[in-house]
Amino acid sequence: MELKKNIKAGKNSLKLNLIIFVYFSLFSFAFAQSNLVGAYTDIKILDKISSKNTLLKLKNGDLVVFKDLSIKSLKCKNSEFDDNPEITAYLQVTDLNNLSNDEVFVFNGWMFSSSPSITPFDHPVYDIWLVNCY
């Protein structure tokens, strides 16, 4: 008597394993991408005159007024690497004391948590640091 192998079951098993692998790969990629972009941005503001630090929690897209500054966080992202996290945020800051031209931003651009000197926030009274994105 000759033994026959069930070749169809082996081919179907291979296809099923491949489909499961692709499905979970795409699911984990989508999950990882959603964790990188946050809805809230934490910044610290230093008042250079009084030497007081204030932690502000900004919801992305909302305008927050802090003393003489109008601050808006448009987007924030976390890095993909866990060992040395990099947080970036796109911020727009307007000085409310400057009534001559309120359309000009004091700061408009990306801010990096690890190196704030790349795109410095230059203001005579306040200093801003990016702390967190979640």
N, C-alpha and C. Protein backbone atom coordinates (compact mmCIF):
# COMPACT_ATOMS: atom_id res chain seq x y z
N MET A 1 0.83 -1.16 0.00
CA MET A 1 0.00 0.00 0.00
C MET A 1 0.88 1.24 0.00
N GLU A 2 0.53 2.16 -0.82
CA GLU A 2 1.31 3.38 -1.00
C GLU A 2 0.69 4.51 -0.18
N LEU A 3 1.53 5.23 0.56
CA LEU A 3 1.05 6.35 1.37
C LEU A 3 1.00 7.62 0.51
N LYS A 4 -0.09 8.35 0.63
CA LYS A 4 -0.22 9.60 -0.09
C LYS A 4 -0.16 10.76 0.90
N LYS A 5 0.57 11.75 0.52
CA LYS A 5 0.66 12.93 1.35
C LYS A 5 -0.46 13.89 0.98
N ASN A 6 -0.95 14.60 1.97
CA ASN A 6 -2.00 15.58 1.74
C ASN A 6 -1.31 16.90 1.39
N ILE A 7 -1.07 17.11 0.13
CA ILE A 7 -0.35 18.31 -0.32
C ILE A 7 -1.24 19.54 -0.23
N LYS A 8 -2.53 19.39 -0.47
CA LYS A 8 -3.44 20.53 -0.44
C LYS A 8 -3.50 21.15 0.96
N ALA A 9 -3.49 20.33 1.99
CA ALA A 9 -3.54 20.86 3.36
C ALA A 9 -2.28 21.66 3.65
N GLY A 10 -1.14 21.22 3.17
CA GLY A 10 0.12 21.94 3.39
C GLY A 10 0.13 23.27 2.67
N LYS A 11 -0.39 23.33 1.45
CA LYS A 11 -0.44 24.58 0.71
C LYS A 11 -1.42 25.55 1.36
N ASN A 12 -2.55 25.04 1.81
CA ASN A 12 -3.54 25.91 2.47
C ASN A 12 -3.00 26.43 3.79
N SER A 13 -2.26 25.60 4.51
CA SER A 13 -1.68 26.03 5.78
C SER A 13 -0.66 27.14 5.54
N LEU A 14 0.14 27.02 4.49
CA LEU A 14 1.12 28.04 4.16
C LEU A 14 0.43 29.35 3.80
N LYS A 15 -0.63 29.29 3.01
CA LYS A 15 -1.37 30.50 2.65
C LYS A 15 -2.01 31.14 3.87
N LEU A 16 -2.57 30.31 4.74
CA LEU A 16 -3.20 30.82 5.95
C LEU A 16 -2.18 31.51 6.85
N ASN A 17 -1.01 30.89 7.02
CA ASN A 17 0.04 31.50 7.83
C ASN A 17 0.52 32.82 7.23
N LEU A 18 0.62 32.87 5.92
CA LEU A 18 1.04 34.09 5.24
C LEU A 18 0.00 35.21 5.42
N ILE A 19 -1.27 34.88 5.32
CA ILE A 19 -2.34 35.87 5.50
C ILE A 19 -2.34 36.38 6.94
N ILE A 20 -2.18 35.50 7.90
CA ILE A 20 -2.14 35.91 9.30
C ILE A 20 -0.93 36.81 9.56
N PHE A 21 0.22 36.45 9.01
CA PHE A 21 1.43 37.26 9.18
C PHE A 21 1.26 38.66 8.60
N VAL A 22 0.71 38.75 7.40
CA VAL A 22 0.50 40.06 6.76
C VAL A 22 -0.50 40.89 7.56
N TYR A 23 -1.58 40.27 8.01
CA TYR A 23 -2.60 40.97 8.78
C TYR A 23 -2.03 41.56 10.06
N PHE A 24 -1.29 40.77 10.83
CA PHE A 24 -0.73 41.26 12.08
C PHE A 24 0.40 42.26 11.85
N SER A 25 1.12 42.12 10.76
CA SER A 25 2.17 43.10 10.43
C SER A 25 1.55 44.46 10.15
N LEU A 26 0.50 44.48 9.35
CA LEU A 26 -0.18 45.74 9.04
C LEU A 26 -0.84 46.32 10.28
N PHE A 27 -1.43 45.48 11.11
CA PHE A 27 -2.08 45.95 12.33
C PHE A 27 -1.07 46.57 13.28
N SER A 28 0.08 45.93 13.45
CA SER A 28 1.09 46.46 14.37
C SER A 28 1.70 47.74 13.81
N PHE A 29 1.86 47.85 12.48
CA PHE A 29 2.39 49.07 11.88
C PHE A 29 1.42 50.23 12.09
N ALA A 30 0.13 49.99 11.89
CA ALA A 30 -0.88 51.04 12.10
C ALA A 30 -0.94 51.44 13.56
N PHE A 31 -0.81 50.49 14.46
CA PHE A 31 -0.83 50.79 15.89
C PHE A 31 0.40 51.60 16.29
N ALA A 32 1.55 51.25 15.75
CA ALA A 32 2.78 51.98 16.07
C ALA A 32 2.71 53.40 15.54
N GLN A 33 2.17 53.60 14.35
CA GLN A 33 2.07 54.94 13.79
C GLN A 33 1.11 55.80 14.60
N SER A 34 0.03 55.21 15.11
CA SER A 34 -0.93 55.99 15.88
C SER A 34 -0.34 56.41 17.22
N ASN A 35 0.61 55.67 17.77
CA ASN A 35 1.23 56.04 19.03
C ASN A 35 2.27 57.15 18.85
N LEU A 36 2.73 57.38 17.63
CA LEU A 36 3.75 58.38 17.41
C LEU A 36 3.19 59.79 17.43
N VAL A 37 1.97 59.99 16.94
CA VAL A 37 1.36 61.30 16.87
C VAL A 37 0.47 61.48 18.09
N GLY A 38 0.65 62.58 18.80
CA GLY A 38 -0.11 62.82 20.01
C GLY A 38 -1.19 63.88 19.82
N ALA A 39 -2.11 63.94 20.77
CA ALA A 39 -3.19 64.93 20.73
C ALA A 39 -2.90 66.09 21.67
N TYR A 40 -1.96 65.90 22.61
CA TYR A 40 -1.64 66.94 23.59
C TYR A 40 -0.13 67.17 23.61
N THR A 41 0.25 68.42 23.88
CA THR A 41 1.64 68.81 23.97
C THR A 41 1.88 69.48 25.31
N ASP A 42 2.93 69.07 26.02
CA ASP A 42 3.32 69.71 27.27
C ASP A 42 4.54 70.59 27.00
N ILE A 43 4.46 71.85 27.42
CA ILE A 43 5.60 72.75 27.31
C ILE A 43 5.84 73.40 28.67
N LYS A 44 7.08 73.77 28.90
CA LYS A 44 7.44 74.52 30.10
C LYS A 44 7.82 75.92 29.69
N ILE A 45 7.29 76.87 30.44
CA ILE A 45 7.57 78.28 30.16
C ILE A 45 8.32 78.85 31.36
N LEU A 46 9.47 79.45 31.09
CA LEU A 46 10.27 80.10 32.12
C LEU A 46 10.07 81.60 32.00
N ASP A 47 9.64 82.22 33.07
CA ASP A 47 9.58 83.68 33.16
C ASP A 47 10.96 84.12 33.63
N LYS A 48 11.71 84.78 32.75
CA LYS A 48 13.09 85.15 33.05
C LYS A 48 13.19 86.22 34.13
N ILE A 49 12.14 87.00 34.31
CA ILE A 49 12.17 88.07 35.30
C ILE A 49 11.94 87.51 36.70
N SER A 50 10.92 86.66 36.86
CA SER A 50 10.62 86.11 38.19
C SER A 50 11.27 84.76 38.44
N SER A 51 11.85 84.15 37.42
CA SER A 51 12.50 82.83 37.50
C SER A 51 11.52 81.73 37.91
N LYS A 52 10.28 81.82 37.43
CA LYS A 52 9.28 80.80 37.73
C LYS A 52 9.01 79.96 36.49
N ASN A 53 8.95 78.64 36.70
CA ASN A 53 8.60 77.71 35.64
C ASN A 53 7.12 77.39 35.71
N THR A 54 6.48 77.29 34.56
CA THR A 54 5.07 76.92 34.47
C THR A 54 4.92 75.83 33.43
N LEU A 55 4.24 74.74 33.80
CA LEU A 55 3.96 73.66 32.86
C LEU A 55 2.59 73.89 32.24
N LEU A 56 2.54 73.96 30.91
CA LEU A 56 1.29 74.14 30.18
C LEU A 56 0.97 72.89 29.39
N LYS A 57 -0.26 72.45 29.47
CA LYS A 57 -0.75 71.33 28.67
C LYS A 57 -1.60 71.91 27.56
N LEU A 58 -1.16 71.71 26.32
CA LEU A 58 -1.85 72.27 25.16
C LEU A 58 -2.53 71.16 24.38
N LYS A 59 -3.79 71.35 24.04
CA LYS A 59 -4.45 70.43 23.12
C LYS A 59 -4.12 70.92 21.72
N ASN A 60 -3.66 70.02 20.88
CA ASN A 60 -3.24 70.40 19.54
C ASN A 60 -4.41 71.02 18.77
N GLY A 61 -4.16 72.19 18.22
CA GLY A 61 -5.16 72.92 17.46
C GLY A 61 -5.84 74.02 18.25
N ASP A 62 -5.76 73.99 19.58
CA ASP A 62 -6.39 75.01 20.42
C ASP A 62 -5.39 76.13 20.73
N LEU A 63 -5.92 77.34 20.84
CA LEU A 63 -5.11 78.51 21.17
C LEU A 63 -5.17 78.75 22.67
N VAL A 64 -4.01 78.87 23.31
CA VAL A 64 -3.93 79.10 24.75
C VAL A 64 -3.21 80.42 24.98
N VAL A 65 -3.77 81.24 25.86
CA VAL A 65 -3.14 82.51 26.21
C VAL A 65 -2.49 82.37 27.58
N PHE A 66 -1.18 82.61 27.61
CA PHE A 66 -0.41 82.59 28.86
C PHE A 66 0.23 83.95 29.04
N LYS A 67 -0.26 84.71 29.99
CA LYS A 67 0.21 86.08 30.28
C LYS A 67 0.24 86.89 29.00
N ASP A 68 1.42 87.19 28.46
CA ASP A 68 1.54 88.03 27.26
C ASP A 68 1.73 87.22 25.98
N LEU A 69 1.64 85.89 26.07
CA LEU A 69 1.87 85.05 24.90
C LEU A 69 0.60 84.32 24.49
N SER A 70 0.43 84.20 23.20
CA SER A 70 -0.63 83.37 22.64
C SER A 70 0.07 82.17 21.99
N ILE A 71 -0.24 80.96 22.47
CA ILE A 71 0.49 79.76 22.06
C ILE A 71 -0.48 78.76 21.43
N LYS A 72 -0.07 78.22 20.29
CA LYS A 72 -0.88 77.21 19.61
C LYS A 72 0.03 76.08 19.16
N SER A 73 -0.32 74.86 19.58
CA SER A 73 0.41 73.67 19.14
C SER A 73 -0.41 73.02 18.04
N LEU A 74 0.17 72.89 16.87
CA LEU A 74 -0.55 72.31 15.74
C LEU A 74 -0.36 70.80 15.63
N LYS A 75 0.82 70.31 15.98
CA LYS A 75 1.10 68.88 15.84
C LYS A 75 2.27 68.52 16.73
N CYS A 76 2.22 67.31 17.31
CA CYS A 76 3.37 66.81 18.05
C CYS A 76 3.56 65.34 17.74
N LYS A 77 4.83 64.92 17.77
CA LYS A 77 5.17 63.54 17.43
C LYS A 77 6.24 63.02 18.37
N ASN A 78 6.15 61.74 18.68
CA ASN A 78 7.19 61.03 19.43
C ASN A 78 8.06 60.27 18.45
N SER A 79 9.30 60.02 18.84
CA SER A 79 10.19 59.27 17.97
C SER A 79 9.87 57.78 18.04
N GLU A 80 10.38 57.04 17.09
CA GLU A 80 10.17 55.60 17.05
C GLU A 80 11.12 54.87 17.99
N PHE A 81 12.18 55.52 18.45
CA PHE A 81 13.19 54.87 19.26
C PHE A 81 12.91 55.10 20.73
N ASP A 82 12.95 54.03 21.51
CA ASP A 82 12.65 54.12 22.94
C ASP A 82 13.86 54.45 23.78
N ASP A 83 15.06 54.14 23.31
CA ASP A 83 16.25 54.33 24.13
C ASP A 83 16.61 55.81 24.29
N ASN A 84 16.39 56.61 23.27
CA ASN A 84 16.65 58.05 23.34
C ASN A 84 15.47 58.77 22.70
N PRO A 85 14.40 59.01 23.45
CA PRO A 85 13.19 59.55 22.83
C PRO A 85 13.37 61.00 22.35
N GLU A 86 12.85 61.26 21.20
CA GLU A 86 12.86 62.60 20.62
C GLU A 86 11.42 63.04 20.44
N ILE A 87 11.09 64.18 20.97
CA ILE A 87 9.74 64.72 20.87
C ILE A 87 9.83 65.98 20.02
N THR A 88 8.97 66.07 19.01
CA THR A 88 8.92 67.25 18.16
C THR A 88 7.50 67.80 18.16
N ALA A 89 7.41 69.11 18.07
CA ALA A 89 6.09 69.75 18.03
C ALA A 89 6.17 70.98 17.15
N TYR A 90 5.07 71.23 16.44
CA TYR A 90 4.97 72.44 15.63
C TYR A 90 4.20 73.47 16.43
N LEU A 91 4.87 74.56 16.82
CA LEU A 91 4.29 75.59 17.68
C LEU A 91 4.23 76.92 16.96
N GLN A 92 3.18 77.68 17.29
CA GLN A 92 3.06 79.07 16.85
C GLN A 92 2.86 79.92 18.09
N VAL A 93 3.74 80.90 18.28
CA VAL A 93 3.68 81.76 19.46
C VAL A 93 3.62 83.21 18.99
N THR A 94 2.65 83.95 19.54
CA THR A 94 2.47 85.37 19.22
C THR A 94 2.60 86.17 20.51
N ASP A 95 3.29 87.30 20.44
CA ASP A 95 3.41 88.21 21.58
C ASP A 95 2.22 89.17 21.54
N LEU A 96 1.42 89.16 22.59
CA LEU A 96 0.21 89.98 22.63
C LEU A 96 0.51 91.44 22.97
N ASN A 97 1.69 91.74 23.48
CA ASN A 97 2.07 93.13 23.77
C ASN A 97 2.38 93.91 22.51
N ASN A 98 2.80 93.23 21.48
CA ASN A 98 3.16 93.88 20.23
C ASN A 98 1.88 94.15 19.44
N LEU A 99 1.27 95.30 19.68
CA LEU A 99 -0.01 95.63 19.03
C LEU A 99 0.17 96.21 17.63
N SER A 100 1.39 96.56 17.26
CA SER A 100 1.61 97.16 15.95
C SER A 100 1.36 96.17 14.82
N ASN A 101 1.74 94.90 15.03
CA ASN A 101 1.56 93.91 13.98
C ASN A 101 1.27 92.56 14.64
N ASP A 102 0.00 92.24 14.82
CA ASP A 102 -0.36 91.01 15.51
C ASP A 102 -0.33 89.78 14.62
N GLU A 103 -0.02 89.94 13.37
CA GLU A 103 0.03 88.79 12.46
C GLU A 103 1.42 88.13 12.45
N VAL A 104 2.39 88.75 13.09
CA VAL A 104 3.75 88.22 13.08
C VAL A 104 3.95 87.32 14.30
N PHE A 105 4.45 86.12 14.06
CA PHE A 105 4.73 85.18 15.14
C PHE A 105 6.11 85.45 15.73
N VAL A 106 6.21 85.32 17.04
CA VAL A 106 7.50 85.36 17.70
C VAL A 106 8.24 84.06 17.38
N PHE A 107 7.48 82.98 17.34
CA PHE A 107 8.04 81.68 16.98
C PHE A 107 7.00 80.95 16.14
N ASN A 108 7.43 80.38 15.03
CA ASN A 108 6.56 79.61 14.15
C ASN A 108 7.41 78.52 13.51
N GLY A 109 7.33 77.31 14.07
CA GLY A 109 8.13 76.23 13.51
C GLY A 109 8.18 75.02 14.42
N TRP A 110 9.02 74.06 14.03
CA TRP A 110 9.17 72.83 14.79
C TRP A 110 10.12 73.06 15.96
N MET A 111 9.75 72.52 17.11
CA MET A 111 10.60 72.57 18.29
C MET A 111 10.97 71.14 18.66
N PHE A 112 12.23 70.93 19.05
CA PHE A 112 12.75 69.61 19.39
C PHE A 112 13.08 69.56 20.87
N SER A 113 12.68 68.48 21.54
CA SER A 113 12.90 68.37 22.99
C SER A 113 14.37 68.18 23.34
N SER A 114 15.10 67.43 22.54
CA SER A 114 16.50 67.11 22.90
C SER A 114 17.44 68.27 22.61
N SER A 115 17.11 69.11 21.64
CA SER A 115 18.01 70.23 21.30
C SER A 115 17.17 71.46 20.94
N PRO A 116 16.78 72.24 21.93
CA PRO A 116 15.98 73.42 21.64
C PRO A 116 16.74 74.52 20.91
N SER A 117 18.05 74.41 20.83
CA SER A 117 18.83 75.45 20.16
C SER A 117 18.81 75.34 18.63
N ILE A 118 18.24 74.26 18.10
CA ILE A 118 18.16 74.12 16.64
C ILE A 118 17.26 75.21 16.07
N THR A 119 16.08 75.37 16.64
CA THR A 119 15.18 76.44 16.26
C THR A 119 14.81 77.19 17.54
N PRO A 120 15.61 78.17 17.91
CA PRO A 120 15.43 78.80 19.22
C PRO A 120 14.21 79.71 19.28
N PHE A 121 13.60 79.72 20.45
CA PHE A 121 12.52 80.64 20.77
C PHE A 121 13.19 81.86 21.40
N ASP A 122 13.11 83.01 20.74
CA ASP A 122 13.82 84.20 21.19
C ASP A 122 12.81 85.24 21.66
N HIS A 123 12.74 85.41 22.98
CA HIS A 123 11.84 86.40 23.58
C HIS A 123 12.55 87.02 24.77
N PRO A 124 12.38 88.33 25.01
CA PRO A 124 13.10 88.97 26.11
C PRO A 124 12.63 88.55 27.50
N VAL A 125 11.37 88.08 27.63
CA VAL A 125 10.84 87.77 28.96
C VAL A 125 10.68 86.27 29.18
N TYR A 126 10.29 85.53 28.16
CA TYR A 126 9.93 84.12 28.33
C TYR A 126 10.85 83.19 27.54
N ASP A 127 10.97 81.99 28.06
CA ASP A 127 11.68 80.90 27.39
C ASP A 127 10.75 79.70 27.37
N ILE A 128 10.73 78.96 26.27
CA ILE A 128 9.82 77.81 26.14
C ILE A 128 10.62 76.56 25.83
N TRP A 129 10.28 75.45 26.53
CA TRP A 129 10.87 74.14 26.27
C TRP A 129 9.76 73.13 26.01
N LEU A 130 10.01 72.24 25.11
CA LEU A 130 9.09 71.14 24.82
C LEU A 130 9.38 70.01 25.80
N VAL A 131 8.33 69.50 26.46
CA VAL A 131 8.51 68.49 27.49
C VAL A 131 7.96 67.13 27.07
N ASN A 132 6.72 67.10 26.57
CA ASN A 132 6.08 65.81 26.32
C ASN A 132 5.06 65.92 25.20
N CYS A 133 4.75 64.77 24.61
CA CYS A 133 3.70 64.65 23.60
C CYS A 133 2.95 63.36 23.87
N TYR A 134 1.65 63.47 24.02
CA TYR A 134 0.85 62.26 24.29
C TYR A 134 -0.53 62.40 23.70
